[in-house]
Amino acid sequence: MSLKARLAREIALTGPLSVADYVVRCLHDPQDGYYATRPRLGAEGDFITAPLVSQMFGELIGLWMAEVWRGLGAPDRFRLVEVGPGDGTLMLDLLRAARAARGFLDAAELVLIEPSRPLRAVQARRLAESPLEPRWVETLAALPADAPVLLVANEVLDCLPARQFVKTAGGWAERRVGLTEAGELTFGLSAPTGGLVETTAEVGEGQVLE
């Protein structure tokens, strides 16, 4: 059964999904999710990111990381964390440049936050000869709080699961994914759950807040 059919069945049984839940399913469903099954990065893939355009991007971030480490007093133990490491290119370039900071690599524990099994395999191949051996976790919550963290995340915000709210004449409503009478997926509105929506921005009727 396709992901679309499974989502439609779930919605029919339990009600509309939040946009956040819908995005999580589309990206990370073990059977059909994009990142879980067929991520295609690079010029021949579905999209290209800055680290794949020039190694200078990752190298500059590596030098910046080393400077931040020095600013923290050069702790003798810290975690170097990347969220959404793609194919590992950014981290490889970062580590190459960070060699210039004496003691940085000796103090670093490399952690990659990546839920996609196919991408983990790509990252492992890319970083096989890097000076640090990575370990993988699925969420930030999996990191213990026993050492400082230097974190880098490139082009991650565009695929984070965000809830959406719409300003209506009667107040805020939550945008959800439901079904048409014909059983097709569609956007709709419902009363917000989990408390009131608060924002300091001026939002006009019909505008969407994430």
N, C-alpha and C. Protein backbone atom coordinates (compact mmCIF):
# COMPACT_ATOMS: atom_id res chain seq x y z
N MET A 1 0.85 -1.20 0.00
CA MET A 1 0.00 0.00 0.00
C MET A 1 0.88 1.25 0.00
N SER A 2 0.59 2.22 -0.85
CA SER A 2 1.41 3.42 -0.96
C SER A 2 1.30 4.27 0.31
N LEU A 3 2.26 5.17 0.49
CA LEU A 3 2.22 6.08 1.64
C LEU A 3 0.96 6.93 1.59
N LYS A 4 0.59 7.41 0.40
CA LYS A 4 -0.62 8.22 0.27
C LYS A 4 -1.85 7.44 0.73
N ALA A 5 -1.94 6.18 0.33
CA ALA A 5 -3.09 5.36 0.71
C ALA A 5 -3.09 5.10 2.21
N ARG A 6 -1.91 4.87 2.77
CA ARG A 6 -1.84 4.62 4.21
C ARG A 6 -2.19 5.87 5.01
N LEU A 7 -1.75 7.04 4.54
CA LEU A 7 -2.10 8.28 5.21
C LEU A 7 -3.60 8.54 5.13
N ALA A 8 -4.18 8.30 3.96
CA ALA A 8 -5.63 8.50 3.80
C ALA A 8 -6.41 7.58 4.73
N ARG A 9 -5.96 6.34 4.86
CA ARG A 9 -6.65 5.41 5.75
C ARG A 9 -6.54 5.87 7.20
N GLU A 10 -5.35 6.31 7.60
CA GLU A 10 -5.17 6.78 8.97
C GLU A 10 -6.04 7.99 9.26
N ILE A 11 -6.07 8.94 8.32
CA ILE A 11 -6.89 10.14 8.51
C ILE A 11 -8.36 9.78 8.60
N ALA A 12 -8.80 8.83 7.78
CA ALA A 12 -10.20 8.41 7.82
C ALA A 12 -10.55 7.79 9.17
N LEU A 13 -9.58 7.13 9.79
CA LEU A 13 -9.84 6.45 11.06
C LEU A 13 -9.69 7.36 12.28
N THR A 14 -8.68 8.25 12.24
CA THR A 14 -8.36 9.02 13.45
C THR A 14 -8.47 10.52 13.30
N GLY A 15 -8.71 11.01 12.09
CA GLY A 15 -8.87 12.44 11.89
C GLY A 15 -7.66 13.08 11.23
N PRO A 16 -7.79 14.35 10.85
CA PRO A 16 -6.72 15.05 10.11
C PRO A 16 -5.39 15.09 10.87
N LEU A 17 -4.30 15.14 10.10
CA LEU A 17 -2.95 15.23 10.64
C LEU A 17 -2.51 16.69 10.68
N SER A 18 -1.71 17.05 11.67
CA SER A 18 -1.06 18.36 11.62
C SER A 18 -0.09 18.37 10.46
N VAL A 19 0.24 19.55 9.98
CA VAL A 19 1.22 19.65 8.90
C VAL A 19 2.56 19.07 9.34
N ALA A 20 2.91 19.25 10.59
CA ALA A 20 4.17 18.70 11.11
C ALA A 20 4.17 17.18 11.01
N ASP A 21 3.09 16.55 11.44
CA ASP A 21 3.02 15.08 11.38
C ASP A 21 3.05 14.59 9.93
N TYR A 22 2.39 15.32 9.06
CA TYR A 22 2.37 14.95 7.64
C TYR A 22 3.78 15.02 7.04
N VAL A 23 4.52 16.09 7.36
CA VAL A 23 5.88 16.24 6.85
C VAL A 23 6.78 15.12 7.37
N VAL A 24 6.66 14.78 8.65
CA VAL A 24 7.47 13.70 9.21
C VAL A 24 7.22 12.40 8.46
N ARG A 25 5.95 12.10 8.17
CA ARG A 25 5.64 10.86 7.46
C ARG A 25 6.24 10.87 6.05
N CYS A 26 6.09 11.98 5.37
CA CYS A 26 6.59 12.05 3.99
C CYS A 26 8.11 11.95 3.92
N LEU A 27 8.79 12.46 4.92
CA LEU A 27 10.25 12.44 4.89
C LEU A 27 10.84 11.18 5.50
N HIS A 28 10.21 10.64 6.56
CA HIS A 28 10.88 9.60 7.34
C HIS A 28 10.10 8.30 7.49
N ASP A 29 8.99 8.14 6.80
CA ASP A 29 8.29 6.86 6.84
C ASP A 29 9.26 5.76 6.42
N PRO A 30 9.43 4.69 7.22
CA PRO A 30 10.44 3.67 6.90
C PRO A 30 10.26 3.01 5.55
N GLN A 31 9.03 2.92 5.08
CA GLN A 31 8.76 2.23 3.82
C GLN A 31 8.86 3.14 2.60
N ASP A 32 8.35 4.38 2.74
CA ASP A 32 8.25 5.25 1.57
C ASP A 32 8.79 6.66 1.78
N GLY A 33 9.23 7.02 2.99
CA GLY A 33 9.69 8.38 3.24
C GLY A 33 10.89 8.75 2.39
N TYR A 34 10.95 10.01 1.96
CA TYR A 34 12.01 10.44 1.04
C TYR A 34 13.40 10.19 1.63
N TYR A 35 13.66 10.72 2.82
CA TYR A 35 15.00 10.57 3.39
C TYR A 35 15.26 9.15 3.86
N ALA A 36 14.22 8.42 4.18
CA ALA A 36 14.39 7.05 4.67
C ALA A 36 14.71 6.07 3.54
N THR A 37 14.38 6.42 2.31
CA THR A 37 14.49 5.42 1.24
C THR A 37 15.27 5.87 0.02
N ARG A 38 15.21 7.15 -0.37
CA ARG A 38 15.82 7.49 -1.66
C ARG A 38 16.34 8.93 -1.72
N PRO A 39 17.09 9.39 -0.74
CA PRO A 39 17.62 10.75 -0.84
C PRO A 39 18.61 10.84 -2.00
N ARG A 40 18.48 11.86 -2.83
CA ARG A 40 19.36 12.04 -3.97
C ARG A 40 19.94 13.45 -3.93
N LEU A 41 21.19 13.55 -3.49
CA LEU A 41 21.86 14.83 -3.36
C LEU A 41 22.86 15.00 -4.49
N GLY A 42 23.20 16.24 -4.80
CA GLY A 42 24.22 16.52 -5.79
C GLY A 42 23.65 16.95 -7.12
N ALA A 43 24.56 17.26 -8.05
CA ALA A 43 24.16 17.81 -9.35
C ALA A 43 23.27 16.87 -10.13
N GLU A 44 23.43 15.56 -9.93
CA GLU A 44 22.61 14.59 -10.65
C GLU A 44 21.39 14.16 -9.84
N GLY A 45 21.21 14.75 -8.65
CA GLY A 45 20.11 14.35 -7.78
C GLY A 45 18.96 15.32 -7.79
N ASP A 46 18.25 15.39 -6.68
CA ASP A 46 17.06 16.23 -6.57
C ASP A 46 17.38 17.66 -6.16
N PHE A 47 18.50 17.85 -5.47
CA PHE A 47 18.88 19.19 -5.05
C PHE A 47 20.37 19.22 -4.74
N ILE A 48 20.93 20.42 -4.71
CA ILE A 48 22.35 20.59 -4.40
C ILE A 48 22.47 21.60 -3.27
N THR A 49 23.42 21.39 -2.37
CA THR A 49 23.60 22.27 -1.23
C THR A 49 24.95 22.96 -1.31
N ALA A 50 25.14 24.00 -0.51
CA ALA A 50 26.35 24.82 -0.58
C ALA A 50 27.65 24.03 -0.46
N PRO A 51 27.75 23.05 0.47
CA PRO A 51 29.01 22.30 0.56
C PRO A 51 29.39 21.57 -0.72
N LEU A 52 28.39 21.24 -1.54
CA LEU A 52 28.66 20.53 -2.78
C LEU A 52 29.09 21.47 -3.90
N VAL A 53 28.93 22.78 -3.68
CA VAL A 53 29.32 23.77 -4.68
C VAL A 53 30.80 24.12 -4.54
N SER A 54 31.25 24.30 -3.30
CA SER A 54 32.65 24.68 -3.08
C SER A 54 33.10 24.20 -1.72
N GLN A 55 34.33 23.64 -1.66
CA GLN A 55 34.87 23.18 -0.38
C GLN A 55 35.17 24.34 0.56
N MET A 56 35.26 25.56 0.01
CA MET A 56 35.53 26.72 0.86
C MET A 56 34.43 26.95 1.89
N PHE A 57 33.20 26.57 1.54
CA PHE A 57 32.08 26.76 2.47
C PHE A 57 32.35 26.00 3.77
N GLY A 58 32.61 24.70 3.67
CA GLY A 58 32.87 23.90 4.86
C GLY A 58 34.15 24.28 5.57
N GLU A 59 35.16 24.66 4.81
CA GLU A 59 36.43 25.04 5.43
C GLU A 59 36.29 26.31 6.26
N LEU A 60 35.53 27.27 5.76
CA LEU A 60 35.31 28.48 6.54
C LEU A 60 34.55 28.18 7.83
N ILE A 61 33.58 27.28 7.75
CA ILE A 61 32.85 26.90 8.96
C ILE A 61 33.78 26.18 9.93
N GLY A 62 34.71 25.37 9.39
CA GLY A 62 35.69 24.70 10.24
C GLY A 62 36.57 25.68 10.99
N LEU A 63 37.04 26.73 10.31
CA LEU A 63 37.86 27.75 10.97
C LEU A 63 37.06 28.51 12.00
N TRP A 64 35.78 28.77 11.68
CA TRP A 64 34.91 29.45 12.65
C TRP A 64 34.69 28.58 13.88
N MET A 65 34.47 27.27 13.67
CA MET A 65 34.31 26.35 14.80
C MET A 65 35.54 26.36 15.70
N ALA A 66 36.70 26.34 15.09
CA ALA A 66 37.93 26.36 15.88
C ALA A 66 38.04 27.65 16.69
N GLU A 67 37.62 28.77 16.11
CA GLU A 67 37.66 30.05 16.83
C GLU A 67 36.66 30.05 17.99
N VAL A 68 35.48 29.47 17.78
CA VAL A 68 34.50 29.37 18.86
C VAL A 68 35.05 28.50 19.99
N TRP A 69 35.71 27.40 19.62
CA TRP A 69 36.33 26.51 20.62
C TRP A 69 37.36 27.27 21.44
N ARG A 70 38.19 28.07 20.78
CA ARG A 70 39.17 28.87 21.51
C ARG A 70 38.46 29.86 22.43
N GLY A 71 37.38 30.45 21.94
CA GLY A 71 36.64 31.41 22.75
C GLY A 71 36.02 30.80 23.99
N LEU A 72 35.78 29.50 23.96
CA LEU A 72 35.27 28.79 25.13
C LEU A 72 36.37 28.40 26.11
N GLY A 73 37.60 28.79 25.77
CA GLY A 73 38.72 28.42 26.63
C GLY A 73 39.41 27.15 26.20
N ALA A 74 39.17 26.71 24.96
CA ALA A 74 39.77 25.50 24.41
C ALA A 74 39.58 24.30 25.34
N PRO A 75 38.31 23.93 25.64
CA PRO A 75 38.08 22.78 26.53
C PRO A 75 38.72 21.52 25.96
N ASP A 76 39.22 20.68 26.87
CA ASP A 76 39.92 19.48 26.41
C ASP A 76 38.97 18.36 26.01
N ARG A 77 37.67 18.61 26.11
CA ARG A 77 36.67 17.65 25.65
C ARG A 77 35.41 18.40 25.26
N PHE A 78 34.92 18.16 24.05
CA PHE A 78 33.66 18.76 23.60
C PHE A 78 33.09 17.89 22.49
N ARG A 79 31.80 18.13 22.17
CA ARG A 79 31.16 17.40 21.07
C ARG A 79 31.00 18.31 19.87
N LEU A 80 31.49 17.84 18.76
CA LEU A 80 31.30 18.51 17.48
C LEU A 80 30.12 17.83 16.82
N VAL A 81 29.01 18.56 16.67
CA VAL A 81 27.74 17.96 16.26
C VAL A 81 27.27 18.60 14.96
N GLU A 82 26.85 17.77 14.01
CA GLU A 82 26.20 18.30 12.82
C GLU A 82 24.80 17.70 12.72
N VAL A 83 23.83 18.57 12.48
CA VAL A 83 22.45 18.15 12.28
C VAL A 83 22.17 18.10 10.78
N GLY A 84 21.71 16.97 10.29
CA GLY A 84 21.44 16.83 8.87
C GLY A 84 22.70 16.91 8.04
N PRO A 85 23.63 15.96 8.19
CA PRO A 85 24.95 16.07 7.56
C PRO A 85 24.97 15.79 6.05
N GLY A 86 23.83 15.54 5.44
CA GLY A 86 23.82 15.31 3.99
C GLY A 86 24.67 14.12 3.60
N ASP A 87 25.62 14.35 2.68
CA ASP A 87 26.50 13.26 2.27
C ASP A 87 27.84 13.29 2.99
N GLY A 88 27.98 14.17 4.01
CA GLY A 88 29.21 14.23 4.80
C GLY A 88 30.25 15.20 4.27
N THR A 89 29.97 15.86 3.14
CA THR A 89 30.96 16.75 2.54
C THR A 89 31.31 17.93 3.43
N LEU A 90 30.28 18.56 4.02
CA LEU A 90 30.55 19.72 4.87
C LEU A 90 31.46 19.34 6.03
N MET A 91 31.17 18.24 6.70
CA MET A 91 31.97 17.83 7.84
C MET A 91 33.40 17.48 7.43
N LEU A 92 33.56 16.84 6.29
CA LEU A 92 34.90 16.50 5.81
C LEU A 92 35.71 17.76 5.57
N ASP A 93 35.12 18.76 4.93
CA ASP A 93 35.82 20.02 4.68
C ASP A 93 36.08 20.76 5.98
N LEU A 94 35.11 20.73 6.89
CA LEU A 94 35.26 21.38 8.20
C LEU A 94 36.46 20.81 8.95
N LEU A 95 36.55 19.49 8.99
CA LEU A 95 37.64 18.85 9.73
C LEU A 95 39.00 19.12 9.09
N ARG A 96 39.01 19.22 7.76
CA ARG A 96 40.27 19.52 7.08
C ARG A 96 40.82 20.87 7.52
N ALA A 97 39.94 21.87 7.57
CA ALA A 97 40.37 23.21 7.96
C ALA A 97 40.68 23.29 9.45
N ALA A 98 39.94 22.55 10.26
CA ALA A 98 40.11 22.62 11.71
C ALA A 98 41.43 22.03 12.18
N ARG A 99 42.12 21.29 11.32
CA ARG A 99 43.45 20.78 11.68
C ARG A 99 44.39 21.92 12.07
N ALA A 100 44.12 23.11 11.54
CA ALA A 100 45.02 24.24 11.81
C ALA A 100 44.98 24.69 13.27
N ALA A 101 43.93 24.31 13.99
CA ALA A 101 43.82 24.69 15.41
C ALA A 101 44.37 23.56 16.27
N ARG A 102 45.54 23.77 16.82
CA ARG A 102 46.19 22.74 17.61
C ARG A 102 45.32 22.33 18.79
N GLY A 103 45.07 21.04 18.92
CA GLY A 103 44.31 20.51 20.04
C GLY A 103 42.82 20.36 19.75
N PHE A 104 42.30 21.00 18.69
CA PHE A 104 40.87 20.97 18.40
C PHE A 104 40.39 19.55 18.13
N LEU A 105 41.05 18.86 17.21
CA LEU A 105 40.61 17.51 16.84
C LEU A 105 40.82 16.52 17.98
N ASP A 106 41.87 16.73 18.78
CA ASP A 106 42.11 15.83 19.92
C ASP A 106 41.00 15.94 20.96
N ALA A 107 40.40 17.12 21.06
CA ALA A 107 39.36 17.34 22.08
C ALA A 107 37.97 16.97 21.59
N ALA A 108 37.81 16.81 20.28
CA ALA A 108 36.47 16.69 19.70
C ALA A 108 35.97 15.25 19.66
N GLU A 109 34.69 15.09 19.98
CA GLU A 109 33.95 13.85 19.72
C GLU A 109 32.93 14.19 18.63
N LEU A 110 33.00 13.49 17.51
CA LEU A 110 32.15 13.81 16.36
C LEU A 110 30.83 13.04 16.45
N VAL A 111 29.72 13.78 16.44
CA VAL A 111 28.39 13.18 16.50
C VAL A 111 27.56 13.74 15.35
N LEU A 112 26.94 12.85 14.59
CA LEU A 112 26.09 13.24 13.48
C LEU A 112 24.64 12.89 13.81
N ILE A 113 23.75 13.87 13.69
CA ILE A 113 22.33 13.64 13.95
C ILE A 113 21.65 13.39 12.62
N GLU A 114 21.31 12.14 12.38
CA GLU A 114 20.80 11.72 11.09
C GLU A 114 19.85 10.54 11.25
N PRO A 115 18.56 10.73 11.00
CA PRO A 115 17.61 9.61 11.11
C PRO A 115 17.60 8.70 9.87
N SER A 116 18.15 9.17 8.75
CA SER A 116 18.08 8.40 7.50
C SER A 116 19.17 7.34 7.44
N ARG A 117 18.78 6.07 7.34
CA ARG A 117 19.77 4.99 7.24
C ARG A 117 20.57 5.08 5.94
N PRO A 118 19.94 5.33 4.78
CA PRO A 118 20.74 5.48 3.56
C PRO A 118 21.76 6.60 3.64
N LEU A 119 21.38 7.74 4.23
CA LEU A 119 22.32 8.84 4.33
C LEU A 119 23.43 8.53 5.33
N ARG A 120 23.13 7.81 6.38
CA ARG A 120 24.19 7.40 7.31
C ARG A 120 25.26 6.59 6.58
N ALA A 121 24.82 5.71 5.70
CA ALA A 121 25.77 4.89 4.95
C ALA A 121 26.64 5.76 4.04
N VAL A 122 26.03 6.76 3.40
CA VAL A 122 26.79 7.68 2.55
C VAL A 122 27.79 8.47 3.38
N GLN A 123 27.35 8.95 4.53
CA GLN A 123 28.24 9.72 5.41
C GLN A 123 29.40 8.87 5.90
N ALA A 124 29.13 7.62 6.23
CA ALA A 124 30.19 6.74 6.70
C ALA A 124 31.26 6.54 5.63
N ARG A 125 30.84 6.39 4.39
CA ARG A 125 31.81 6.23 3.30
C ARG A 125 32.62 7.51 3.10
N ARG A 126 31.94 8.65 3.15
CA ARG A 126 32.61 9.93 2.92
C ARG A 126 33.63 10.22 4.01
N LEU A 127 33.29 9.85 5.25
CA LEU A 127 34.15 10.19 6.38
C LEU A 127 35.06 9.05 6.81
N ALA A 128 35.17 8.03 5.98
CA ALA A 128 35.95 6.84 6.35
C ALA A 128 37.41 7.17 6.66
N GLU A 129 37.96 8.16 5.99
CA GLU A 129 39.37 8.52 6.20
C GLU A 129 39.53 9.86 6.91
N SER A 130 38.46 10.33 7.54
CA SER A 130 38.56 11.59 8.28
C SER A 130 39.31 11.36 9.59
N PRO A 131 39.84 12.43 10.20
CA PRO A 131 40.61 12.26 11.44
C PRO A 131 39.76 11.88 12.65
N LEU A 132 38.44 12.01 12.56
CA LEU A 132 37.56 11.64 13.66
C LEU A 132 36.57 10.58 13.19
N GLU A 133 36.31 9.61 14.03
CA GLU A 133 35.32 8.58 13.72
C GLU A 133 33.96 9.03 14.24
N PRO A 134 32.98 9.18 13.38
CA PRO A 134 31.68 9.67 13.84
C PRO A 134 30.86 8.60 14.53
N ARG A 135 29.95 9.05 15.38
CA ARG A 135 28.87 8.19 15.83
C ARG A 135 27.57 8.90 15.51
N TRP A 136 26.51 8.12 15.35
CA TRP A 136 25.24 8.68 14.89
C TRP A 136 24.17 8.58 15.98
N VAL A 137 23.34 9.60 16.07
CA VAL A 137 22.14 9.57 16.89
C VAL A 137 21.00 10.13 16.03
N GLU A 138 19.77 9.92 16.47
CA GLU A 138 18.62 10.36 15.67
C GLU A 138 18.08 11.72 16.07
N THR A 139 18.31 12.15 17.32
CA THR A 139 17.76 13.42 17.78
C THR A 139 18.75 14.13 18.70
N LEU A 140 18.56 15.43 18.84
CA LEU A 140 19.37 16.20 19.79
C LEU A 140 19.20 15.70 21.21
N ALA A 141 18.00 15.21 21.52
CA ALA A 141 17.72 14.74 22.88
C ALA A 141 18.61 13.56 23.27
N ALA A 142 19.22 12.90 22.29
CA ALA A 142 20.07 11.75 22.58
C ALA A 142 21.46 12.16 23.05
N LEU A 143 21.78 13.45 22.99
CA LEU A 143 23.10 13.91 23.42
C LEU A 143 23.14 14.12 24.92
N PRO A 144 24.07 13.49 25.63
CA PRO A 144 24.20 13.77 27.07
C PRO A 144 24.72 15.18 27.29
N ALA A 145 24.48 15.70 28.48
CA ALA A 145 24.84 17.09 28.79
C ALA A 145 26.11 17.17 29.61
N ASP A 146 27.07 16.29 29.31
CA ASP A 146 28.28 16.23 30.12
C ASP A 146 29.49 16.87 29.45
N ALA A 147 29.27 17.59 28.34
CA ALA A 147 30.38 18.26 27.64
C ALA A 147 29.81 19.39 26.80
N PRO A 148 30.63 20.43 26.54
CA PRO A 148 30.16 21.50 25.65
C PRO A 148 29.85 20.96 24.25
N VAL A 149 28.94 21.62 23.57
CA VAL A 149 28.56 21.22 22.22
C VAL A 149 28.80 22.37 21.26
N LEU A 150 29.50 22.09 20.17
CA LEU A 150 29.59 23.01 19.04
C LEU A 150 28.77 22.39 17.93
N LEU A 151 27.74 23.09 17.50
CA LEU A 151 26.76 22.51 16.59
C LEU A 151 26.70 23.29 15.29
N VAL A 152 26.66 22.55 14.19
CA VAL A 152 26.48 23.16 12.88
C VAL A 152 25.30 22.47 12.19
N ALA A 153 24.49 23.26 11.51
CA ALA A 153 23.34 22.72 10.77
C ALA A 153 23.16 23.56 9.52
N ASN A 154 23.31 22.95 8.38
CA ASN A 154 23.18 23.67 7.11
C ASN A 154 21.97 23.18 6.33
N GLU A 155 21.09 24.10 5.96
CA GLU A 155 19.90 23.78 5.16
C GLU A 155 19.05 22.69 5.82
N VAL A 156 18.82 22.86 7.11
CA VAL A 156 17.99 21.92 7.86
C VAL A 156 16.60 22.50 8.12
N LEU A 157 16.53 23.82 8.29
CA LEU A 157 15.25 24.44 8.63
C LEU A 157 14.18 24.18 7.59
N ASP A 158 14.60 24.02 6.32
CA ASP A 158 13.59 23.87 5.27
C ASP A 158 12.89 22.52 5.31
N CYS A 159 13.39 21.56 6.09
CA CYS A 159 12.70 20.27 6.17
C CYS A 159 12.30 19.92 7.60
N LEU A 160 12.34 20.90 8.51
CA LEU A 160 11.86 20.64 9.86
C LEU A 160 10.33 20.59 9.86
N PRO A 161 9.74 19.67 10.60
CA PRO A 161 8.28 19.58 10.66
C PRO A 161 7.69 20.69 11.53
N ALA A 162 7.05 21.65 10.90
CA ALA A 162 6.47 22.79 11.62
C ALA A 162 4.95 22.74 11.55
N ARG A 163 4.29 23.06 12.64
CA ARG A 163 2.84 23.21 12.62
C ARG A 163 2.51 24.55 11.96
N GLN A 164 1.37 24.63 11.31
CA GLN A 164 0.95 25.85 10.63
C GLN A 164 -0.38 26.34 11.19
N PHE A 165 -0.46 27.66 11.37
CA PHE A 165 -1.67 28.28 11.88
C PHE A 165 -2.08 29.41 10.95
N VAL A 166 -3.38 29.59 10.78
CA VAL A 166 -3.91 30.59 9.86
C VAL A 166 -4.79 31.56 10.65
N LYS A 167 -4.60 32.86 10.41
CA LYS A 167 -5.42 33.87 11.06
C LYS A 167 -6.74 33.99 10.29
N THR A 168 -7.83 33.76 10.99
CA THR A 168 -9.16 33.86 10.38
C THR A 168 -9.94 34.99 11.05
N ALA A 169 -11.12 35.28 10.51
CA ALA A 169 -11.96 36.32 11.09
C ALA A 169 -12.33 36.00 12.52
N GLY A 170 -12.38 34.71 12.86
CA GLY A 170 -12.75 34.29 14.20
C GLY A 170 -11.57 33.99 15.11
N GLY A 171 -10.34 34.29 14.66
CA GLY A 171 -9.15 34.00 15.46
C GLY A 171 -8.24 33.01 14.74
N TRP A 172 -7.40 32.35 15.49
CA TRP A 172 -6.44 31.42 14.91
C TRP A 172 -7.07 30.05 14.68
N ALA A 173 -6.68 29.42 13.56
CA ALA A 173 -7.05 28.04 13.27
C ALA A 173 -5.78 27.30 12.86
N GLU A 174 -5.76 25.99 13.12
CA GLU A 174 -4.59 25.20 12.72
C GLU A 174 -4.83 24.56 11.36
N ARG A 175 -3.83 24.67 10.52
CA ARG A 175 -3.90 24.04 9.19
C ARG A 175 -3.56 22.56 9.34
N ARG A 176 -4.42 21.71 8.77
CA ARG A 176 -4.22 20.27 8.87
C ARG A 176 -4.44 19.61 7.52
N VAL A 177 -3.97 18.38 7.43
CA VAL A 177 -4.14 17.59 6.21
C VAL A 177 -5.27 16.59 6.46
N GLY A 178 -6.36 16.74 5.70
CA GLY A 178 -7.50 15.86 5.82
C GLY A 178 -7.87 15.25 4.49
N LEU A 179 -9.12 14.88 4.34
CA LEU A 179 -9.58 14.22 3.12
C LEU A 179 -10.77 14.95 2.51
N THR A 180 -10.82 14.97 1.18
CA THR A 180 -12.00 15.44 0.48
C THR A 180 -13.06 14.35 0.52
N GLU A 181 -14.26 14.66 0.05
CA GLU A 181 -15.32 13.65 0.00
C GLU A 181 -14.93 12.48 -0.91
N ALA A 182 -14.04 12.76 -1.88
CA ALA A 182 -13.58 11.70 -2.79
C ALA A 182 -12.41 10.92 -2.22
N GLY A 183 -11.97 11.27 -1.01
CA GLY A 183 -10.89 10.53 -0.37
C GLY A 183 -9.50 11.02 -0.73
N GLU A 184 -9.39 12.21 -1.33
CA GLU A 184 -8.08 12.76 -1.68
C GLU A 184 -7.57 13.63 -0.53
N LEU A 185 -6.24 13.69 -0.39
CA LEU A 185 -5.64 14.52 0.64
C LEU A 185 -5.86 15.99 0.33
N THR A 186 -6.14 16.78 1.37
CA THR A 186 -6.38 18.20 1.17
C THR A 186 -6.08 18.96 2.45
N PHE A 187 -5.77 20.24 2.32
CA PHE A 187 -5.60 21.09 3.50
C PHE A 187 -6.96 21.53 4.02
N GLY A 188 -7.05 21.67 5.33
CA GLY A 188 -8.24 22.18 5.97
C GLY A 188 -7.86 22.90 7.25
N LEU A 189 -8.83 23.46 7.95
CA LEU A 189 -8.59 24.20 9.18
C LEU A 189 -9.38 23.59 10.33
N SER A 190 -8.77 23.64 11.53
CA SER A 190 -9.46 23.18 12.72
C SER A 190 -9.04 24.06 13.89
N ALA A 191 -9.71 23.91 15.00
CA ALA A 191 -9.33 24.67 16.19
C ALA A 191 -7.92 24.26 16.63
N PRO A 192 -7.08 25.23 17.02
CA PRO A 192 -5.73 24.89 17.47
C PRO A 192 -5.75 24.01 18.71
N THR A 193 -4.76 23.12 18.81
CA THR A 193 -4.60 22.28 20.00
C THR A 193 -3.32 22.68 20.71
N GLY A 194 -3.26 22.40 22.00
CA GLY A 194 -2.03 22.64 22.75
C GLY A 194 -1.83 24.08 23.18
N GLY A 195 -2.90 24.82 23.41
CA GLY A 195 -2.77 26.17 23.92
C GLY A 195 -2.97 27.23 22.86
N LEU A 196 -2.94 28.48 23.28
CA LEU A 196 -3.17 29.61 22.39
C LEU A 196 -1.95 29.89 21.53
N VAL A 197 -2.20 30.39 20.33
CA VAL A 197 -1.12 30.82 19.45
C VAL A 197 -0.74 32.24 19.82
N GLU A 198 0.55 32.48 20.06
CA GLU A 198 0.99 33.80 20.45
C GLU A 198 2.09 34.27 19.50
N THR A 199 2.01 35.52 19.08
CA THR A 199 3.05 36.13 18.26
C THR A 199 3.03 37.62 18.46
N THR A 200 4.20 38.24 18.38
CA THR A 200 4.29 39.70 18.50
C THR A 200 4.18 40.37 17.13
N ALA A 201 4.20 39.57 16.05
CA ALA A 201 4.11 40.13 14.71
C ALA A 201 2.66 40.49 14.39
N GLU A 202 2.51 41.48 13.53
CA GLU A 202 1.17 41.84 13.05
C GLU A 202 0.80 40.90 11.91
N VAL A 203 -0.21 40.10 12.13
CA VAL A 203 -0.61 39.09 11.14
C VAL A 203 -2.03 39.39 10.67
N GLY A 204 -2.18 39.51 9.36
CA GLY A 204 -3.48 39.80 8.79
C GLY A 204 -4.27 38.55 8.54
N GLU A 205 -5.57 38.73 8.34
CA GLU A 205 -6.45 37.60 8.07
C GLU A 205 -5.97 36.86 6.83
N GLY A 206 -5.92 35.52 6.92
CA GLY A 206 -5.50 34.69 5.82
C GLY A 206 -4.02 34.35 5.80
N GLN A 207 -3.22 35.05 6.62
CA GLN A 207 -1.79 34.77 6.65
C GLN A 207 -1.50 33.52 7.47
N VAL A 208 -0.40 32.84 7.11
CA VAL A 208 -0.01 31.59 7.75
C VAL A 208 1.19 31.84 8.67
N LEU A 209 1.09 31.30 9.87
CA LEU A 209 2.18 31.38 10.85
C LEU A 209 2.69 29.96 11.10
N GLU A 210 4.01 29.77 11.02
CA GLU A 210 4.60 28.44 11.32
C GLU A 210 5.25 28.47 12.68
